Amino acid sequence: MDLERLKDELRAFAADRDWEPFHSPKNLSMALAVEAAELMEHFQWLTEAQSRDPDPALRAKISEEIGDVLIYLTRLADQLDVDLMAAAGEKMARNAEKYPVEKARGSAAKYTEL
């Protein structure tokens, strides 16, 4: 499924349930933050190595939370008429300027400290 189809299906899902009044950018951004926190919770006490290779049961829970994050992000973008792919492309271009390879390779420093 591509993002356009997902957006259309989510729009229909919300309309069928008369959820449009609740899907304001404010509410969707808060729901997105909650889902992101639920995703983080699955990694909270794992080691770096464990976080890279979760067991199948944990991977399924993580996958579900990633789905929730994508759903709320897609709904938020739809409500604000933001093209997710264009926004990501523009942000990657800005990041490439802020984090040039020759300065950023192998460093976790913020761009202001490179």
C-alpha atoms as a PDB file:
ATOM      1  CA  MET A   1       0.000   0.000   0.000  1.00  0.00           C
ATOM      2  CA  ASP A   2       1.364   3.447  -0.827  1.00  0.00           C
ATOM      3  CA  LEU A   3       0.891   6.594   1.254  1.00  0.00           C
ATOM      4  CA  GLU A   4      -1.873   8.000  -0.943  1.00  0.00           C
ATOM      5  CA  ARG A   5      -3.945   4.853  -0.588  1.00  0.00           C
ATOM      6  CA  LEU A   6      -3.292   4.768   3.156  1.00  0.00           C
ATOM      7  CA  LYS A   7      -4.381   8.405   3.445  1.00  0.00           C
ATOM      8  CA  ASP A   8      -7.576   7.663   1.507  1.00  0.00           C
ATOM      9  CA  GLU A   9      -8.361   4.594   3.611  1.00  0.00           C
ATOM     10  CA  LEU A  10      -7.747   6.457   6.855  1.00  0.00           C
ATOM     11  CA  ARG A  11      -9.915   9.350   5.681  1.00  0.00           C
ATOM     12  CA  ALA A  12     -12.753   6.906   4.884  1.00  0.00           C
ATOM     13  CA  PHE A  13     -12.247   5.008   8.158  1.00  0.00           C
ATOM     14  CA  ALA A  14     -12.582   8.239  10.151  1.00  0.00           C
ATOM     15  CA  ALA A  15     -15.539   9.492   8.077  1.00  0.00           C
ATOM     16  CA  ASP A  16     -17.431   6.205   8.480  1.00  0.00           C
ATOM     17  CA  ARG A  17     -17.167   6.598  12.249  1.00  0.00           C
ATOM     18  CA  ASP A  18     -17.847  10.360  12.272  1.00  0.00           C
ATOM     19  CA  TRP A  19     -14.440  10.972  13.871  1.00  0.00           C
ATOM     20  CA  GLU A  20     -13.619  14.085  11.832  1.00  0.00           C
ATOM     21  CA  PRO A  21     -14.580  16.419  14.714  1.00  0.00           C
ATOM     22  CA  PHE A  22     -11.957  14.699  16.869  1.00  0.00           C
ATOM     23  CA  HIS A  23      -9.187  14.596  14.254  1.00  0.00           C
ATOM     24  CA  SER A  24      -7.973  18.151  14.666  1.00  0.00           C
ATOM     25  CA  PRO A  25      -4.254  18.774  14.193  1.00  0.00           C
ATOM     26  CA  LYS A  26      -3.981  19.407  17.937  1.00  0.00           C
ATOM     27  CA  ASN A  27      -5.572  16.083  18.861  1.00  0.00           C
ATOM     28  CA  LEU A  28      -3.739  14.127  16.187  1.00  0.00           C
ATOM     29  CA  SER A  29      -0.364  15.550  17.205  1.00  0.00           C
ATOM     30  CA  MET A  30      -1.020  14.570  20.812  1.00  0.00           C
ATOM     31  CA  ALA A  31      -2.145  11.087  19.785  1.00  0.00           C
ATOM     32  CA  LEU A  32       1.020  10.784  17.678  1.00  0.00           C
ATOM     33  CA  ALA A  33       3.166  11.687  20.693  1.00  0.00           C
ATOM     34  CA  VAL A  34       1.349   9.117  22.838  1.00  0.00           C
ATOM     35  CA  GLU A  35       1.874   6.385  20.245  1.00  0.00           C
ATOM     36  CA  ALA A  36       5.543   7.321  19.877  1.00  0.00           C
ATOM     37  CA  ALA A  37       5.886   7.024  23.660  1.00  0.00           C
ATOM     38  CA  GLU A  38       4.227   3.599  23.553  1.00  0.00           C
ATOM     39  CA  LEU A  39       6.747   2.573  20.900  1.00  0.00           C
ATOM     40  CA  MET A  40       9.621   3.825  23.050  1.00  0.00           C
ATOM     41  CA  GLU A  41       8.306   1.877  26.018  1.00  0.00           C
ATOM     42  CA  HIS A  42       9.126  -1.406  24.254  1.00  0.00           C
ATOM     43  CA  PHE A  43      12.790  -0.389  24.050  1.00  0.00           C
ATOM     44  CA  GLN A  44      13.081   1.251  27.456  1.00  0.00           C
ATOM     45  CA  TRP A  45      15.128  -1.359  29.309  1.00  0.00           C
ATOM     46  CA  LEU A  46      16.743  -3.179  26.407  1.00  0.00           C
ATOM     47  CA  THR A  47      20.429  -3.101  25.663  1.00  0.00           C
ATOM     48  CA  GLU A  48      21.563  -1.710  22.319  1.00  0.00           C
ATOM     49  CA  ALA A  49      22.030  -5.263  21.043  1.00  0.00           C
ATOM     50  CA  GLN A  50      18.589  -6.393  22.238  1.00  0.00           C
ATOM     51  CA  SER A  51      16.968  -3.365  20.606  1.00  0.00           C
ATOM     52  CA  ARG A  52      18.457  -4.394  17.254  1.00  0.00           C
ATOM     53  CA  ASP A  53      17.168  -7.972  17.435  1.00  0.00           C
ATOM     54  CA  PRO A  54      13.916  -8.208  19.419  1.00  0.00           C
ATOM     55  CA  ASP A  55      12.300 -11.603  19.824  1.00  0.00           C
ATOM     56  CA  PRO A  56       9.277 -12.310  17.584  1.00  0.00           C
ATOM     57  CA  ALA A  57       6.668 -11.440  20.229  1.00  0.00           C
ATOM     58  CA  LEU A  58       8.289  -8.101  20.992  1.00  0.00           C
ATOM     59  CA  ARG A  59       8.839  -7.412  17.286  1.00  0.00           C
ATOM     60  CA  ALA A  60       5.071  -7.869  16.742  1.00  0.00           C
ATOM     61  CA  LYS A  61       4.293  -5.337  19.483  1.00  0.00           C
ATOM     62  CA  ILE A  62       6.838  -2.892  18.052  1.00  0.00           C
ATOM     63  CA  SER A  63       5.361  -3.333  14.585  1.00  0.00           C
ATOM     64  CA  GLU A  64       1.887  -2.535  15.909  1.00  0.00           C
ATOM     65  CA  GLU A  65       3.110   0.674  17.552  1.00  0.00           C
ATOM     66  CA  ILE A  66       4.997   1.701  14.405  1.00  0.00           C
ATOM     67  CA  GLY A  67       1.723   1.217  12.530  1.00  0.00           C
ATOM     68  CA  ASP A  68      -0.064   3.481  15.011  1.00  0.00           C
ATOM     69  CA  VAL A  69       2.616   6.153  14.625  1.00  0.00           C
ATOM     70  CA  LEU A  70       2.325   6.012  10.835  1.00  0.00           C
ATOM     71  CA  ILE A  71      -1.471   6.181  10.995  1.00  0.00           C
ATOM     72  CA  TYR A  72      -1.533   9.266  13.211  1.00  0.00           C
ATOM     73  CA  LEU A  73       1.263  10.955  11.247  1.00  0.00           C
ATOM     74  CA  THR A  74      -0.583  10.301   7.993  1.00  0.00           C
ATOM     75  CA  ARG A  75      -3.858  11.649   9.401  1.00  0.00           C
ATOM     76  CA  LEU A  76      -2.104  14.746  10.750  1.00  0.00           C
ATOM     77  CA  ALA A  77      -0.437  15.418   7.403  1.00  0.00           C
ATOM     78  CA  ASP A  78      -3.772  14.942   5.637  1.00  0.00           C
ATOM     79  CA  GLN A  79      -5.538  17.389   7.952  1.00  0.00           C
ATOM     80  CA  LEU A  80      -2.837  20.013   7.298  1.00  0.00           C
ATOM     81  CA  ASP A  81      -2.477  19.220   3.591  1.00  0.00           C
ATOM     82  CA  VAL A  82       1.193  18.300   4.007  1.00  0.00           C
ATOM     83  CA  ASP A  83       2.745  16.011   1.420  1.00  0.00           C
ATOM     84  CA  LEU A  84       4.671  13.587   3.620  1.00  0.00           C
ATOM     85  CA  MET A  85       7.093  12.503   0.910  1.00  0.00           C
ATOM     86  CA  ALA A  86       7.833  16.098  -0.124  1.00  0.00           C
ATOM     87  CA  ALA A  87       8.271  17.149   3.515  1.00  0.00           C
ATOM     88  CA  ALA A  88      10.676  14.250   4.115  1.00  0.00           C
ATOM     89  CA  GLY A  89      12.620  15.038   0.951  1.00  0.00           C
ATOM     90  CA  GLU A  90      12.936  18.705   1.885  1.00  0.00           C
ATOM     91  CA  LYS A  91      14.040  17.807   5.410  1.00  0.00           C
ATOM     92  CA  MET A  92      16.651  15.363   4.083  1.00  0.00           C
ATOM     93  CA  ALA A  93      18.047  18.109   1.842  1.00  0.00           C
ATOM     94  CA  ARG A  94      18.309  20.482   4.831  1.00  0.00           C
ATOM     95  CA  ASN A  95      19.922  17.723   6.912  1.00  0.00           C
ATOM     96  CA  ALA A  96      22.484  17.096   4.180  1.00  0.00           C
ATOM     97  CA  GLU A  97      23.479  20.770   4.409  1.00  0.00           C
ATOM     98  CA  LYS A  98      23.620  20.731   8.219  1.00  0.00           C
ATOM     99  CA  TYR A  99      25.436  17.391   8.398  1.00  0.00           C
ATOM    100  CA  PRO A 100      27.993  17.264   5.581  1.00  0.00           C
ATOM    101  CA  VAL A 101      29.538  13.807   5.232  1.00  0.00           C
ATOM    102  CA  GLU A 102      33.074  15.025   5.801  1.00  0.00           C
ATOM    103  CA  LYS A 103      32.109  16.526   9.188  1.00  0.00           C
ATOM    104  CA  ALA A 104      29.367  14.189  10.384  1.00  0.00           C
ATOM    105  CA  ARG A 105      30.684  10.720   9.472  1.00  0.00           C
ATOM    106  CA  GLY A 106      30.883   8.598  12.632  1.00  0.00           C
ATOM    107  CA  SER A 107      29.734  11.431  14.907  1.00  0.00           C
ATOM    108  CA  ALA A 108      26.506  11.738  16.891  1.00  0.00           C
ATOM    109  CA  ALA A 109      27.152  15.430  17.558  1.00  0.00           C
ATOM    110  CA  LYS A 110      24.503  18.016  16.761  1.00  0.00           C
ATOM    111  CA  TYR A 111      25.194  20.060  13.631  1.00  0.00           C
ATOM    112  CA  THR A 112      26.004  23.112  15.756  1.00  0.00           C
ATOM    113  CA  GLU A 113      28.877  21.166  17.321  1.00  0.00           C
ATOM    114  CA  LEU A 114      30.465  19.609  14.242  1.00  0.00           C
END
